Amino acid sequence: MGIFNRKSAETTATATATAVATPASPDLAHLTGDYTIDTTHSRIGFAVRHAMVTNVRGEFAEYTGKLHLDGANPAASTAELAIQVASIDTGNEQRDGHLRTGDFFEVEAHPEITFRSTAAEQLDGETYRMTGDLTIKGTTRQVVLDLDFTGAATDPYGIQRLGFEGRTVVDRTQFGLSYNAALETGGVLIGEKVKLSFDISAVRA
């Protein structure tokens, strides 16, 4: 009996240690519903290599978005986003004006960048992946967003909020943004890879 009890205790201790070491997935079922992006507390940014030595960073100031969160079945969650390209801001008016021309976004003919999700999955407790169609300058490509759930809260005004941070990398030349210039020292002025980042605060609709 003593040996049996000791083994049972060891088994229980091992199971308890495993449970402590493995974080449980947060229960998001009560958060299921439709949400809109609060643009005053969110940010959509980007970074691209410049002159082979540093990154130029910028953001889009005007956009709208909505998402449907299914906390019990994350695969049923969806998201849509529409960005007004003319609102691009890199902190330099001359550069922003050039980005709006036909060399880059051709804003008059293609005023919006859009994203519509086609699939979603939960990777672990607070990490998700969303696949969708990204359309830039009339070209649509499939992209994959990695998302971190950063929390949920009811603000002082009684509004339910959700937070997500997301990121992906796209090749701008695949969307017709192929303008570049050669450097005298070798290489090119603008990198092809663009890092997109999302800090999203969404409120229940």
C-alpha atoms as a PDB file:
ATOM      1  CA  MET A   1       0.000   0.000   0.000  1.00  0.00           C
ATOM      2  CA  GLY A   2       2.867   2.396   0.807  1.00  0.00           C
ATOM      3  CA  ILE A   3       4.452   1.955  -2.640  1.00  0.00           C
ATOM      4  CA  PHE A   4       1.079   2.362  -4.371  1.00  0.00           C
ATOM      5  CA  ASN A   5       0.344   5.555  -2.466  1.00  0.00           C
ATOM      6  CA  ARG A   6       3.815   6.940  -3.238  1.00  0.00           C
ATOM      7  CA  LYS A   7       3.407   6.282  -6.977  1.00  0.00           C
ATOM      8  CA  SER A   8      -0.044   7.853  -6.951  1.00  0.00           C
ATOM      9  CA  ALA A   9       1.353  10.912  -5.231  1.00  0.00           C
ATOM     10  CA  GLU A  10       4.184  11.142  -7.778  1.00  0.00           C
ATOM     11  CA  THR A  11       1.725  10.842 -10.653  1.00  0.00           C
ATOM     12  CA  THR A  12      -0.487  13.534  -9.152  1.00  0.00           C
ATOM     13  CA  ALA A  13       2.484  15.841  -8.590  1.00  0.00           C
ATOM     14  CA  THR A  14       3.671  15.351 -12.193  1.00  0.00           C
ATOM     15  CA  ALA A  15       0.198  16.097 -13.570  1.00  0.00           C
ATOM     16  CA  THR A  16      -0.062  19.196 -11.390  1.00  0.00           C
ATOM     17  CA  ALA A  17       3.356  20.454 -12.503  1.00  0.00           C
ATOM     18  CA  THR A  18       2.416  19.898 -16.145  1.00  0.00           C
ATOM     19  CA  ALA A  19      -0.834  21.818 -15.690  1.00  0.00           C
ATOM     20  CA  VAL A  20       1.044  24.715 -14.110  1.00  0.00           C
ATOM     21  CA  ALA A  21       3.711  24.745 -16.843  1.00  0.00           C
ATOM     22  CA  THR A  22       1.184  24.720 -19.698  1.00  0.00           C
ATOM     23  CA  PRO A  23      -0.807  27.973 -19.859  1.00  0.00           C
ATOM     24  CA  ALA A  24      -4.519  27.472 -20.321  1.00  0.00           C
ATOM     25  CA  SER A  25      -6.258  29.071 -23.283  1.00  0.00           C
ATOM     26  CA  PRO A  26      -8.288  32.081 -22.173  1.00  0.00           C
ATOM     27  CA  ASP A  27     -12.027  31.529 -22.275  1.00  0.00           C
ATOM     28  CA  LEU A  28     -13.212  33.975 -24.924  1.00  0.00           C
ATOM     29  CA  ALA A  29     -16.676  32.512 -25.456  1.00  0.00           C
ATOM     30  CA  HIS A  30     -18.291  35.399 -23.568  1.00  0.00           C
ATOM     31  CA  LEU A  31     -16.605  37.841 -25.962  1.00  0.00           C
ATOM     32  CA  THR A  32     -18.235  36.389 -29.072  1.00  0.00           C
ATOM     33  CA  GLY A  33     -19.807  39.122 -31.185  1.00  0.00           C
ATOM     34  CA  ASP A  34     -19.304  41.841 -33.777  1.00  0.00           C
ATOM     35  CA  TYR A  35     -16.760  44.613 -33.251  1.00  0.00           C
ATOM     36  CA  THR A  36     -15.587  47.752 -35.068  1.00  0.00           C
ATOM     37  CA  ILE A  37     -12.078  49.181 -34.984  1.00  0.00           C
ATOM     38  CA  ASP A  38     -11.687  52.257 -32.792  1.00  0.00           C
ATOM     39  CA  THR A  39      -9.329  54.270 -35.005  1.00  0.00           C
ATOM     40  CA  THR A  40      -8.601  56.810 -32.268  1.00  0.00           C
ATOM     41  CA  HIS A  41      -6.923  54.071 -30.215  1.00  0.00           C
ATOM     42  CA  SER A  42      -5.451  51.943 -33.008  1.00  0.00           C
ATOM     43  CA  ARG A  43      -2.556  52.170 -35.454  1.00  0.00           C
ATOM     44  CA  ILE A  44      -1.726  50.665 -38.842  1.00  0.00           C
ATOM     45  CA  GLY A  45       1.944  51.112 -39.610  1.00  0.00           C
ATOM     46  CA  PHE A  46       4.661  49.978 -41.980  1.00  0.00           C
ATOM     47  CA  ALA A  47       8.424  49.965 -42.327  1.00  0.00           C
ATOM     48  CA  VAL A  48      10.596  49.590 -45.443  1.00  0.00           C
ATOM     49  CA  ARG A  49      14.367  49.533 -45.932  1.00  0.00           C
ATOM     50  CA  HIS A  50      15.854  52.774 -47.266  1.00  0.00           C
ATOM     51  CA  ALA A  51      19.272  53.111 -48.973  1.00  0.00           C
ATOM     52  CA  MET A  52      20.218  49.658 -47.670  1.00  0.00           C
ATOM     53  CA  VAL A  53      21.045  51.077 -44.234  1.00  0.00           C
ATOM     54  CA  THR A  54      17.913  51.986 -42.258  1.00  0.00           C
ATOM     55  CA  ASN A  55      14.112  51.779 -42.172  1.00  0.00           C
ATOM     56  CA  VAL A  56      11.597  54.448 -43.114  1.00  0.00           C
ATOM     57  CA  ARG A  57       8.461  54.098 -41.011  1.00  0.00           C
ATOM     58  CA  GLY A  58       4.981  55.412 -41.598  1.00  0.00           C
ATOM     59  CA  GLU A  59       1.312  54.843 -40.986  1.00  0.00           C
ATOM     60  CA  PHE A  60      -2.144  55.315 -42.455  1.00  0.00           C
ATOM     61  CA  ALA A  61      -4.293  57.804 -40.565  1.00  0.00           C
ATOM     62  CA  GLU A  62      -7.704  56.966 -42.055  1.00  0.00           C
ATOM     63  CA  TYR A  63      -9.267  53.517 -42.189  1.00  0.00           C
ATOM     64  CA  THR A  64     -12.304  51.536 -41.144  1.00  0.00           C
ATOM     65  CA  GLY A  65     -12.577  47.936 -40.057  1.00  0.00           C
ATOM     66  CA  LYS A  66     -14.764  45.366 -38.430  1.00  0.00           C
ATOM     67  CA  LEU A  67     -14.372  41.880 -37.065  1.00  0.00           C
ATOM     68  CA  HIS A  68     -16.514  39.042 -35.866  1.00  0.00           C
ATOM     69  CA  LEU A  69     -14.992  37.167 -32.959  1.00  0.00           C
ATOM     70  CA  ASP A  70     -16.161  33.653 -32.225  1.00  0.00           C
ATOM     71  CA  GLY A  71     -14.582  32.916 -28.873  1.00  0.00           C
ATOM     72  CA  ALA A  72     -15.838  29.336 -28.752  1.00  0.00           C
ATOM     73  CA  ASN A  73     -14.785  28.547 -32.325  1.00  0.00           C
ATOM     74  CA  PRO A  74     -11.930  30.852 -33.425  1.00  0.00           C
ATOM     75  CA  ALA A  75     -11.959  29.372 -36.934  1.00  0.00           C
ATOM     76  CA  ALA A  76     -15.318  31.084 -37.477  1.00  0.00           C
ATOM     77  CA  SER A  77     -13.872  34.538 -36.736  1.00  0.00           C
ATOM     78  CA  THR A  78     -13.615  37.052 -39.601  1.00  0.00           C
ATOM     79  CA  ALA A  79     -12.159  40.505 -40.262  1.00  0.00           C
ATOM     80  CA  GLU A  80     -12.390  43.263 -42.884  1.00  0.00           C
ATOM     81  CA  LEU A  81     -10.307  46.405 -43.294  1.00  0.00           C
ATOM     82  CA  ALA A  82     -10.387  49.374 -45.701  1.00  0.00           C
ATOM     83  CA  ILE A  83      -7.507  51.868 -45.678  1.00  0.00           C
ATOM     84  CA  GLN A  84      -7.605  55.292 -47.333  1.00  0.00           C
ATOM     85  CA  VAL A  85      -4.258  55.397 -49.130  1.00  0.00           C
ATOM     86  CA  ALA A  86      -4.195  59.198 -49.376  1.00  0.00           C
ATOM     87  CA  SER A  87      -3.850  59.329 -45.582  1.00  0.00           C
ATOM     88  CA  ILE A  88      -0.328  57.884 -45.756  1.00  0.00           C
ATOM     89  CA  ASP A  89       2.069  59.668 -43.412  1.00  0.00           C
ATOM     90  CA  THR A  90       5.825  59.094 -43.204  1.00  0.00           C
ATOM     91  CA  GLY A  91       6.602  62.433 -41.593  1.00  0.00           C
ATOM     92  CA  ASN A  92       7.791  63.981 -44.861  1.00  0.00           C
ATOM     93  CA  GLU A  93       5.268  65.770 -47.104  1.00  0.00           C
ATOM     94  CA  GLN A  94       7.380  65.507 -50.254  1.00  0.00           C
ATOM     95  CA  ARG A  95       7.855  61.773 -49.813  1.00  0.00           C
ATOM     96  CA  ASP A  96       4.171  61.258 -48.996  1.00  0.00           C
ATOM     97  CA  GLY A  97       3.205  63.132 -52.166  1.00  0.00           C
ATOM     98  CA  HIS A  98       5.477  60.900 -54.239  1.00  0.00           C
ATOM     99  CA  LEU A  99       3.967  57.777 -52.642  1.00  0.00           C
ATOM    100  CA  ARG A 100       0.512  58.904 -53.788  1.00  0.00           C
ATOM    101  CA  THR A 101       1.576  59.120 -57.462  1.00  0.00           C
ATOM    102  CA  GLY A 102       1.647  56.468 -60.181  1.00  0.00           C
ATOM    103  CA  ASP A 103       5.207  55.532 -59.193  1.00  0.00           C
ATOM    104  CA  PHE A 104       3.683  53.911 -56.129  1.00  0.00           C
ATOM    105  CA  PHE A 105       0.030  53.758 -55.010  1.00  0.00           C
ATOM    106  CA  GLU A 106      -1.631  55.824 -57.781  1.00  0.00           C
ATOM    107  CA  VAL A 107      -4.176  57.090 -55.276  1.00  0.00           C
ATOM    108  CA  GLU A 108      -6.634  58.670 -57.728  1.00  0.00           C
ATOM    109  CA  ALA A 109      -7.230  55.347 -59.490  1.00  0.00           C
ATOM    110  CA  HIS A 110      -6.819  53.109 -56.424  1.00  0.00           C
ATOM    111  CA  PRO A 111      -7.887  55.059 -53.326  1.00  0.00           C
ATOM    112  CA  GLU A 112      -8.206  52.073 -50.973  1.00  0.00           C
ATOM    113  CA  ILE A 113      -6.182  49.170 -49.659  1.00  0.00           C
ATOM    114  CA  THR A 114      -8.487  46.385 -48.496  1.00  0.00           C
ATOM    115  CA  PHE A 115      -8.149  43.176 -46.527  1.00  0.00           C
ATOM    116  CA  ARG A 116     -10.794  40.457 -46.194  1.00  0.00           C
ATOM    117  CA  SER A 117     -10.096  37.352 -44.156  1.00  0.00           C
ATOM    118  CA  THR A 118     -10.646  33.874 -45.605  1.00  0.00           C
ATOM    119  CA  ALA A 119      -9.510  31.684 -42.682  1.00  0.00           C
ATOM    120  CA  ALA A 120      -8.585  31.948 -39.006  1.00  0.00           C
ATOM    121  CA  GLU A 121      -7.000  29.638 -36.458  1.00  0.00           C
ATOM    122  CA  GLN A 122      -5.886  29.700 -32.840  1.00  0.00           C
ATOM    123  CA  LEU A 123      -2.254  28.604 -32.466  1.00  0.00           C
ATOM    124  CA  ASP A 124      -2.116  28.666 -28.672  1.00  0.00           C
ATOM    125  CA  GLY A 125      -3.638  30.488 -25.729  1.00  0.00           C
ATOM    126  CA  GLU A 126      -3.182  34.040 -26.993  1.00  0.00           C
ATOM    127  CA  THR A 127      -1.750  33.628 -30.492  1.00  0.00           C
ATOM    128  CA  TYR A 128      -3.812  33.484 -33.650  1.00  0.00           C
ATOM    129  CA  ARG A 129      -3.238  33.373 -37.388  1.00  0.00           C
ATOM    130  CA  MET A 130      -5.530  34.913 -39.983  1.00  0.00           C
ATOM    131  CA  THR A 131      -5.292  34.348 -43.723  1.00  0.00           C
ATOM    132  CA  GLY A 132      -6.957  36.713 -46.171  1.00  0.00           C
ATOM    133  CA  ASP A 133      -6.975  38.633 -49.434  1.00  0.00           C
ATOM    134  CA  LEU A 134      -4.982  41.873 -49.463  1.00  0.00           C
ATOM    135  CA  THR A 135      -5.720  44.226 -52.380  1.00  0.00           C
ATOM    136  CA  ILE A 136      -3.307  47.028 -53.245  1.00  0.00           C
ATOM    137  CA  LYS A 137      -3.400  49.037 -56.472  1.00  0.00           C
ATOM    138  CA  GLY A 138      -5.918  46.648 -58.034  1.00  0.00           C
ATOM    139  CA  THR A 139      -3.868  43.514 -57.311  1.00  0.00           C
ATOM    140  CA  THR A 140      -5.047  40.915 -54.807  1.00  0.00           C
ATOM    141  CA  ARG A 141      -2.676  38.525 -53.039  1.00  0.00           C
ATOM    142  CA  GLN A 142      -3.139  36.129 -50.165  1.00  0.00           C
ATOM    143  CA  VAL A 143      -1.346  37.142 -46.965  1.00  0.00           C
ATOM    144  CA  VAL A 144      -1.033  35.618 -43.509  1.00  0.00           C
ATOM    145  CA  LEU A 145      -1.283  37.764 -40.374  1.00  0.00           C
ATOM    146  CA  ASP A 146       0.146  36.641 -37.042  1.00  0.00           C
ATOM    147  CA  LEU A 147      -1.966  38.070 -34.212  1.00  0.00           C
ATOM    148  CA  ASP A 148      -1.509  38.329 -30.460  1.00  0.00           C
ATOM    149  CA  PHE A 149      -4.614  38.769 -28.319  1.00  0.00           C
ATOM    150  CA  THR A 150      -3.611  41.514 -25.865  1.00  0.00           C
ATOM    151  CA  GLY A 151      -6.696  41.547 -23.679  1.00  0.00           C
ATOM    152  CA  ALA A 152     -10.321  42.512 -23.172  1.00  0.00           C
ATOM    153  CA  ALA A 153     -11.874  45.067 -20.853  1.00  0.00           C
ATOM    154  CA  THR A 154     -14.936  47.187 -20.251  1.00  0.00           C
ATOM    155  CA  ASP A 155     -13.900  50.837 -20.311  1.00  0.00           C
ATOM    156  CA  PRO A 156     -15.242  53.556 -17.957  1.00  0.00           C
ATOM    157  CA  TYR A 157     -18.035  54.266 -20.460  1.00  0.00           C
ATOM    158  CA  GLY A 158     -19.309  50.694 -20.312  1.00  0.00           C
ATOM    159  CA  ILE A 159     -17.931  49.750 -23.742  1.00  0.00           C
ATOM    160  CA  GLN A 160     -16.491  46.280 -24.296  1.00  0.00           C
ATOM    161  CA  ARG A 161     -13.032  46.435 -25.904  1.00  0.00           C
ATOM    162  CA  LEU A 162     -10.681  43.864 -27.403  1.00  0.00           C
ATOM    163  CA  GLY A 163      -7.007  44.318 -28.212  1.00  0.00           C
ATOM    164  CA  PHE A 164      -4.856  42.649 -30.874  1.00  0.00           C
ATOM    165  CA  GLU A 165      -1.346  43.206 -32.174  1.00  0.00           C
ATOM    166  CA  GLY A 166      -0.594  41.877 -35.657  1.00  0.00           C
ATOM    167  CA  ARG A 167       2.200  41.725 -38.196  1.00  0.00           C
ATOM    168  CA  THR A 168       3.043  40.427 -41.629  1.00  0.00           C
ATOM    169  CA  VAL A 169       5.593  41.030 -44.388  1.00  0.00           C
ATOM    170  CA  VAL A 170       4.673  41.630 -48.042  1.00  0.00           C
ATOM    171  CA  ASP A 171       6.657  42.089 -51.238  1.00  0.00           C
ATOM    172  CA  ARG A 172       5.575  45.467 -52.622  1.00  0.00           C
ATOM    173  CA  THR A 173       6.598  44.550 -56.175  1.00  0.00           C
ATOM    174  CA  GLN A 174       3.897  41.856 -56.227  1.00  0.00           C
ATOM    175  CA  PHE A 175       1.332  44.655 -55.947  1.00  0.00           C
ATOM    176  CA  GLY A 176       2.737  46.799 -58.736  1.00  0.00           C
ATOM    177  CA  LEU A 177       4.790  49.045 -56.446  1.00  0.00           C
ATOM    178  CA  SER A 178       8.040  48.466 -58.295  1.00  0.00           C
ATOM    179  CA  TYR A 179       9.583  51.954 -58.413  1.00  0.00           C
ATOM    180  CA  ASN A 180      13.247  52.037 -57.383  1.00  0.00           C
ATOM    181  CA  ALA A 181      16.588  53.715 -58.008  1.00  0.00           C
ATOM    182  CA  ALA A 182      20.104  52.307 -58.050  1.00  0.00           C
ATOM    183  CA  LEU A 183      22.713  53.466 -55.537  1.00  0.00           C
ATOM    184  CA  GLU A 184      26.197  54.446 -56.634  1.00  0.00           C
ATOM    185  CA  THR A 185      27.648  52.168 -53.986  1.00  0.00           C
ATOM    186  CA  GLY A 186      25.520  49.224 -55.129  1.00  0.00           C
ATOM    187  CA  GLY A 187      22.086  48.049 -54.178  1.00  0.00           C
ATOM    188  CA  VAL A 188      18.846  49.982 -54.472  1.00  0.00           C
ATOM    189  CA  LEU A 189      17.192  52.923 -52.746  1.00  0.00           C
ATOM    190  CA  ILE A 190      14.029  51.150 -51.536  1.00  0.00           C
ATOM    191  CA  GLY A 191      13.661  47.628 -50.192  1.00  0.00           C
ATOM    192  CA  GLU A 192      11.099  45.257 -51.687  1.00  0.00           C
ATOM    193  CA  LYS A 193       9.932  43.796 -48.362  1.00  0.00           C
ATOM    194  CA  VAL A 194       7.465  45.892 -46.368  1.00  0.00           C
ATOM    195  CA  LYS A 195       6.738  45.092 -42.733  1.00  0.00           C
ATOM    196  CA  LEU A 196       3.120  45.808 -41.805  1.00  0.00           C
ATOM    197  CA  SER A 197       2.086  46.190 -38.174  1.00  0.00           C
ATOM    198  CA  PHE A 198      -1.313  46.508 -36.513  1.00  0.00           C
ATOM    199  CA  ASP A 199      -2.216  47.725 -33.030  1.00  0.00           C
ATOM    200  CA  ILE A 200      -5.967  47.283 -32.862  1.00  0.00           C
ATOM    201  CA  SER A 201      -8.513  48.324 -30.282  1.00  0.00           C
ATOM    202  CA  ALA A 202     -11.968  47.059 -31.266  1.00  0.00           C
ATOM    203  CA  VAL A 203     -15.273  47.932 -29.603  1.00  0.00           C
ATOM    204  CA  ARG A 204     -18.396  45.812 -29.517  1.00  0.00           C
ATOM    205  CA  ALA A 205     -20.817  46.973 -32.187  1.00  0.00           C
END
